[in-house]
Amino acid sequence: MSDDTPTLSSVVGSMAFQIEHRFGAGDVANLRRASGAWSPAFWRLLFECVPEKWRTTSSQESRWATVAAMLATCVGLHVPQSRAGQALAEAGWSELRLVRLLEARGDQLEPMIRQVAQYLASKQQRCNFTDIAALVIYQDDAKPAAEDARMAVARNYYRALLKKPTNQGENQ
């Protein structure tokens, strides 16, 4: 990366761009699979897009594999204008599922992220996947980043949900 101070948003945007415009169908399919972390496409994506200091452990690499799988499932749907919470509300993701997503950590989180990605892809719902990537990347940080990520998703979900009068009470 040429920028000395990348942000999570710029890294996720770069990954989404690479997957959509530079990878073939076979590479994208490999990234979507649970074994995607072993694919050459994942390693090219990791080394081209993610700063080295963000991928120093196998745990961090596994988290980036989850982010790559999400982006590969939702090719062409990453847009900065639609916050994840808003996108989930607009797509009809239930409040119960939102709570489960926001409470998930460790081994529980990856399957939840895959469910979110599959759901949004099935609805062709555009989303800023940086918000969801933050749930994965920062999930157990001692810093406020993890809690900030969860609160941002919840805040944007309920803001969007409560703006739609036809959805009030529907997702309980």
C-alpha atoms as a PDB file:
ATOM      1  CA  MET A   1       0.000   0.000   0.000  1.00  0.00           C
ATOM      2  CA  SER A   2       1.342   3.430  -0.828  1.00  0.00           C
ATOM      3  CA  ASP A   3      -0.423   5.265   2.027  1.00  0.00           C
ATOM      4  CA  ASP A   4       1.618   5.344   5.247  1.00  0.00           C
ATOM      5  CA  THR A   5      -1.488   5.586   7.438  1.00  0.00           C
ATOM      6  CA  PRO A   6      -4.132   3.233   6.077  1.00  0.00           C
ATOM      7  CA  THR A   7      -7.523   3.005   7.714  1.00  0.00           C
ATOM      8  CA  LEU A   8      -9.740  -0.016   8.068  1.00  0.00           C
ATOM      9  CA  SER A   9     -12.069   1.649   5.578  1.00  0.00           C
ATOM     10  CA  SER A  10      -9.324   2.047   2.961  1.00  0.00           C
ATOM     11  CA  VAL A  11      -8.138  -1.543   3.437  1.00  0.00           C
ATOM     12  CA  VAL A  12     -11.656  -3.007   3.137  1.00  0.00           C
ATOM     13  CA  GLY A  13     -12.335  -0.793   0.113  1.00  0.00           C
ATOM     14  CA  SER A  14      -9.126  -1.974  -1.513  1.00  0.00           C
ATOM     15  CA  MET A  15      -9.972  -5.617  -0.820  1.00  0.00           C
ATOM     16  CA  ALA A  16     -13.483  -5.194  -2.229  1.00  0.00           C
ATOM     17  CA  PHE A  17     -12.083  -3.532  -5.356  1.00  0.00           C
ATOM     18  CA  GLN A  18      -9.488  -6.274  -5.890  1.00  0.00           C
ATOM     19  CA  ILE A  19     -12.085  -9.024  -5.485  1.00  0.00           C
ATOM     20  CA  GLU A  20     -14.575  -7.346  -7.816  1.00  0.00           C
ATOM     21  CA  HIS A  21     -12.229  -6.147 -10.551  1.00  0.00           C
ATOM     22  CA  ARG A  22      -9.046  -8.185 -10.477  1.00  0.00           C
ATOM     23  CA  PHE A  23      -9.977 -11.691  -9.396  1.00  0.00           C
ATOM     24  CA  GLY A  24     -11.562 -14.309 -11.616  1.00  0.00           C
ATOM     25  CA  ALA A  25     -14.649 -16.330 -10.729  1.00  0.00           C
ATOM     26  CA  GLY A  26     -12.564 -19.257  -9.462  1.00  0.00           C
ATOM     27  CA  ASP A  27     -10.564 -17.066  -7.075  1.00  0.00           C
ATOM     28  CA  VAL A  28     -13.731 -15.410  -5.781  1.00  0.00           C
ATOM     29  CA  ALA A  29     -15.326 -18.833  -5.210  1.00  0.00           C
ATOM     30  CA  ASN A  30     -12.233 -19.987  -3.306  1.00  0.00           C
ATOM     31  CA  LEU A  31     -12.347 -16.893  -1.095  1.00  0.00           C
ATOM     32  CA  ARG A  32     -15.995 -17.571  -0.242  1.00  0.00           C
ATOM     33  CA  ARG A  33     -15.246 -21.092   0.991  1.00  0.00           C
ATOM     34  CA  ALA A  34     -14.203 -21.850   4.545  1.00  0.00           C
ATOM     35  CA  SER A  35     -10.912 -23.111   3.105  1.00  0.00           C
ATOM     36  CA  GLY A  36     -10.362 -19.756   1.404  1.00  0.00           C
ATOM     37  CA  ALA A  37      -7.509 -18.953   3.772  1.00  0.00           C
ATOM     38  CA  TRP A  38      -5.460 -21.578   1.980  1.00  0.00           C
ATOM     39  CA  SER A  39      -6.112 -20.230  -1.489  1.00  0.00           C
ATOM     40  CA  PRO A  40      -3.468 -18.265  -3.386  1.00  0.00           C
ATOM     41  CA  ALA A  41      -6.112 -15.560  -3.936  1.00  0.00           C
ATOM     42  CA  PHE A  42      -6.367 -14.961  -0.191  1.00  0.00           C
ATOM     43  CA  TRP A  43      -2.624 -14.587   0.243  1.00  0.00           C
ATOM     44  CA  ARG A  44      -2.350 -12.213  -2.726  1.00  0.00           C
ATOM     45  CA  LEU A  45      -5.211 -10.162  -1.294  1.00  0.00           C
ATOM     46  CA  LEU A  46      -3.714 -10.165   2.188  1.00  0.00           C
ATOM     47  CA  PHE A  47      -0.256  -9.060   1.075  1.00  0.00           C
ATOM     48  CA  GLU A  48      -1.501  -6.495  -1.447  1.00  0.00           C
ATOM     49  CA  CYS A  49      -4.139  -4.837   0.728  1.00  0.00           C
ATOM     50  CA  VAL A  50      -3.512  -5.377   4.430  1.00  0.00           C
ATOM     51  CA  PRO A  51      -0.609  -3.597   6.155  1.00  0.00           C
ATOM     52  CA  GLU A  52       1.941  -5.981   7.626  1.00  0.00           C
ATOM     53  CA  LYS A  53       1.420  -4.709  11.175  1.00  0.00           C
ATOM     54  CA  TRP A  54      -2.258  -5.786  10.903  1.00  0.00           C
ATOM     55  CA  ARG A  55      -1.404  -9.382   9.966  1.00  0.00           C
ATOM     56  CA  THR A  56       1.403 -10.467  12.258  1.00  0.00           C
ATOM     57  CA  THR A  57      -0.327 -13.496  13.831  1.00  0.00           C
ATOM     58  CA  SER A  58      -2.256 -16.456  12.481  1.00  0.00           C
ATOM     59  CA  SER A  59      -5.273 -15.226  14.463  1.00  0.00           C
ATOM     60  CA  GLN A  60      -5.160 -11.898  12.621  1.00  0.00           C
ATOM     61  CA  GLU A  61      -4.759 -13.686   9.285  1.00  0.00           C
ATOM     62  CA  SER A  62      -7.798 -15.842  10.076  1.00  0.00           C
ATOM     63  CA  ARG A  63      -9.831 -12.729  10.790  1.00  0.00           C
ATOM     64  CA  TRP A  64      -8.795 -11.252   7.459  1.00  0.00           C
ATOM     65  CA  ALA A  65      -9.825 -14.535   5.791  1.00  0.00           C
ATOM     66  CA  THR A  66     -13.303 -14.042   7.292  1.00  0.00           C
ATOM     67  CA  VAL A  67     -13.409 -10.481   5.929  1.00  0.00           C
ATOM     68  CA  ALA A  68     -12.262 -11.709   2.507  1.00  0.00           C
ATOM     69  CA  ALA A  69     -14.960 -14.415   2.502  1.00  0.00           C
ATOM     70  CA  MET A  70     -17.595 -11.817   3.356  1.00  0.00           C
ATOM     71  CA  LEU A  71     -16.462  -9.500   0.554  1.00  0.00           C
ATOM     72  CA  ALA A  72     -16.279 -12.384  -1.920  1.00  0.00           C
ATOM     73  CA  THR A  73     -19.832 -13.412  -1.005  1.00  0.00           C
ATOM     74  CA  CYS A  74     -21.027  -9.838  -1.542  1.00  0.00           C
ATOM     75  CA  VAL A  75     -19.077  -8.921  -4.689  1.00  0.00           C
ATOM     76  CA  GLY A  76     -20.134  -5.519  -5.985  1.00  0.00           C
ATOM     77  CA  LEU A  77     -22.196  -4.626  -2.925  1.00  0.00           C
ATOM     78  CA  HIS A  78     -19.592  -2.635  -0.935  1.00  0.00           C
ATOM     79  CA  VAL A  79     -20.530   1.047  -0.885  1.00  0.00           C
ATOM     80  CA  PRO A  80     -19.380   3.583   1.709  1.00  0.00           C
ATOM     81  CA  GLN A  81     -22.732   5.411   1.815  1.00  0.00           C
ATOM     82  CA  SER A  82     -24.812   2.643   3.412  1.00  0.00           C
ATOM     83  CA  ARG A  83     -23.748   1.858   6.966  1.00  0.00           C
ATOM     84  CA  ALA A  84     -23.983  -1.821   7.922  1.00  0.00           C
ATOM     85  CA  GLY A  85     -26.646  -1.319  10.576  1.00  0.00           C
ATOM     86  CA  GLN A  86     -28.775   0.638   8.124  1.00  0.00           C
ATOM     87  CA  ALA A  87     -28.279  -2.000   5.427  1.00  0.00           C
ATOM     88  CA  LEU A  88     -29.260  -4.801   7.804  1.00  0.00           C
ATOM     89  CA  ALA A  89     -32.429  -2.964   8.844  1.00  0.00           C
ATOM     90  CA  GLU A  90     -33.365  -2.187   5.238  1.00  0.00           C
ATOM     91  CA  ALA A  91     -32.804  -5.825   4.252  1.00  0.00           C
ATOM     92  CA  GLY A  92     -35.077  -7.065   7.050  1.00  0.00           C
ATOM     93  CA  TRP A  93     -32.449  -8.605   9.358  1.00  0.00           C
ATOM     94  CA  SER A  94     -34.281  -9.289  12.634  1.00  0.00           C
ATOM     95  CA  GLU A  95     -33.487  -7.659  15.942  1.00  0.00           C
ATOM     96  CA  LEU A  96     -32.824 -11.065  17.491  1.00  0.00           C
ATOM     97  CA  ARG A  97     -30.251 -11.868  14.815  1.00  0.00           C
ATOM     98  CA  LEU A  98     -28.686  -8.423  15.316  1.00  0.00           C
ATOM     99  CA  VAL A  99     -28.271  -9.089  19.041  1.00  0.00           C
ATOM    100  CA  ARG A 100     -26.689 -12.480  18.318  1.00  0.00           C
ATOM    101  CA  LEU A 101     -24.312 -10.873  15.821  1.00  0.00           C
ATOM    102  CA  LEU A 102     -23.257  -8.144  18.226  1.00  0.00           C
ATOM    103  CA  GLU A 103     -22.765 -10.607  21.102  1.00  0.00           C
ATOM    104  CA  ALA A 104     -20.746 -13.119  19.041  1.00  0.00           C
ATOM    105  CA  ARG A 105     -17.019 -13.444  19.622  1.00  0.00           C
ATOM    106  CA  GLY A 106     -14.324 -15.931  18.639  1.00  0.00           C
ATOM    107  CA  ASP A 107     -15.563 -19.163  17.068  1.00  0.00           C
ATOM    108  CA  GLN A 108     -19.172 -17.932  17.109  1.00  0.00           C
ATOM    109  CA  LEU A 109     -18.439 -14.786  15.128  1.00  0.00           C
ATOM    110  CA  GLU A 110     -17.192 -16.252  11.838  1.00  0.00           C
ATOM    111  CA  PRO A 111     -20.394 -18.237  11.136  1.00  0.00           C
ATOM    112  CA  MET A 112     -22.465 -15.166  12.021  1.00  0.00           C
ATOM    113  CA  ILE A 113     -20.462 -13.034   9.584  1.00  0.00           C
ATOM    114  CA  ARG A 114     -21.003 -15.648   6.873  1.00  0.00           C
ATOM    115  CA  GLN A 115     -24.762 -15.577   7.598  1.00  0.00           C
ATOM    116  CA  VAL A 116     -24.809 -11.793   7.364  1.00  0.00           C
ATOM    117  CA  ALA A 117     -22.915 -11.881   4.064  1.00  0.00           C
ATOM    118  CA  GLN A 118     -25.162 -14.562   2.579  1.00  0.00           C
ATOM    119  CA  TYR A 119     -28.266 -12.712   3.713  1.00  0.00           C
ATOM    120  CA  LEU A 120     -27.164  -9.357   2.298  1.00  0.00           C
ATOM    121  CA  ALA A 121     -26.046 -11.025  -0.946  1.00  0.00           C
ATOM    122  CA  SER A 122     -29.405 -12.781  -1.303  1.00  0.00           C
ATOM    123  CA  LYS A 123     -31.151  -9.421  -0.923  1.00  0.00           C
ATOM    124  CA  GLN A 124     -28.566  -7.661  -3.150  1.00  0.00           C
ATOM    125  CA  GLN A 125     -28.293  -5.140  -0.315  1.00  0.00           C
ATOM    126  CA  ARG A 126     -25.490  -2.645  -0.693  1.00  0.00           C
ATOM    127  CA  CYS A 127     -23.532  -2.024   2.458  1.00  0.00           C
ATOM    128  CA  ASN A 128     -20.414  -0.459   3.907  1.00  0.00           C
ATOM    129  CA  PHE A 129     -18.690  -3.706   4.849  1.00  0.00           C
ATOM    130  CA  THR A 130     -16.073  -1.810   6.842  1.00  0.00           C
ATOM    131  CA  ASP A 131     -18.532  -1.730   9.737  1.00  0.00           C
ATOM    132  CA  ILE A 132     -18.853  -5.525   9.717  1.00  0.00           C
ATOM    133  CA  ALA A 133     -15.114  -5.987   9.190  1.00  0.00           C
ATOM    134  CA  ALA A 134     -14.587  -3.925  12.342  1.00  0.00           C
ATOM    135  CA  LEU A 135     -16.649  -6.460  14.299  1.00  0.00           C
ATOM    136  CA  VAL A 136     -14.254  -9.169  13.130  1.00  0.00           C
ATOM    137  CA  ILE A 137     -10.939  -7.347  13.306  1.00  0.00           C
ATOM    138  CA  TYR A 138     -11.535  -5.586  16.640  1.00  0.00           C
ATOM    139  CA  GLN A 139     -13.686  -8.277  18.287  1.00  0.00           C
ATOM    140  CA  ASP A 140     -11.601  -8.704  21.430  1.00  0.00           C
ATOM    141  CA  ASP A 141      -9.502  -5.566  21.517  1.00  0.00           C
ATOM    142  CA  ALA A 142      -8.975  -4.119  24.961  1.00  0.00           C
ATOM    143  CA  LYS A 143      -9.409  -0.727  23.333  1.00  0.00           C
ATOM    144  CA  PRO A 144     -12.808   0.871  22.851  1.00  0.00           C
ATOM    145  CA  ALA A 145     -12.648   0.036  19.112  1.00  0.00           C
ATOM    146  CA  ALA A 146     -14.514  -3.258  19.577  1.00  0.00           C
ATOM    147  CA  GLU A 147     -17.339  -1.721  21.563  1.00  0.00           C
ATOM    148  CA  ASP A 148     -17.447   1.306  19.257  1.00  0.00           C
ATOM    149  CA  ALA A 149     -17.868  -1.012  16.254  1.00  0.00           C
ATOM    150  CA  ARG A 150     -20.752  -2.891  17.886  1.00  0.00           C
ATOM    151  CA  MET A 151     -22.444   0.321  19.043  1.00  0.00           C
ATOM    152  CA  ALA A 152     -22.161   1.893  15.580  1.00  0.00           C
ATOM    153  CA  VAL A 153     -23.874  -1.099  13.955  1.00  0.00           C
ATOM    154  CA  ALA A 154     -26.652  -1.079  16.578  1.00  0.00           C
ATOM    155  CA  ARG A 155     -27.107   2.697  16.379  1.00  0.00           C
ATOM    156  CA  ASN A 156     -27.419   2.705  12.591  1.00  0.00           C
ATOM    157  CA  TYR A 157     -29.697  -0.354  12.612  1.00  0.00           C
ATOM    158  CA  TYR A 158     -32.192   1.196  15.011  1.00  0.00           C
ATOM    159  CA  ARG A 159     -31.997   4.621  13.392  1.00  0.00           C
ATOM    160  CA  ALA A 160     -32.976   3.039  10.063  1.00  0.00           C
ATOM    161  CA  LEU A 161     -35.481   0.606  11.570  1.00  0.00           C
ATOM    162  CA  LEU A 162     -37.345   3.298  13.459  1.00  0.00           C
ATOM    163  CA  LYS A 163     -37.540   5.554  10.397  1.00  0.00           C
ATOM    164  CA  LYS A 164     -39.622   2.895   8.629  1.00  0.00           C
ATOM    165  CA  PRO A 165     -43.122   2.948  10.164  1.00  0.00           C
ATOM    166  CA  THR A 166     -44.112  -0.296   8.413  1.00  0.00           C
ATOM    167  CA  ASN A 167     -41.335  -2.183  10.220  1.00  0.00           C
ATOM    168  CA  GLN A 168     -42.099  -1.112  13.783  1.00  0.00           C
ATOM    169  CA  GLY A 169     -42.730  -4.184  15.889  1.00  0.00           C
ATOM    170  CA  GLU A 170     -42.252  -6.490  12.918  1.00  0.00           C
ATOM    171  CA  ASN A 171     -38.777  -7.763  13.846  1.00  0.00           C
ATOM    172  CA  GLN A 172     -39.397  -8.698  17.478  1.00  0.00           C
END
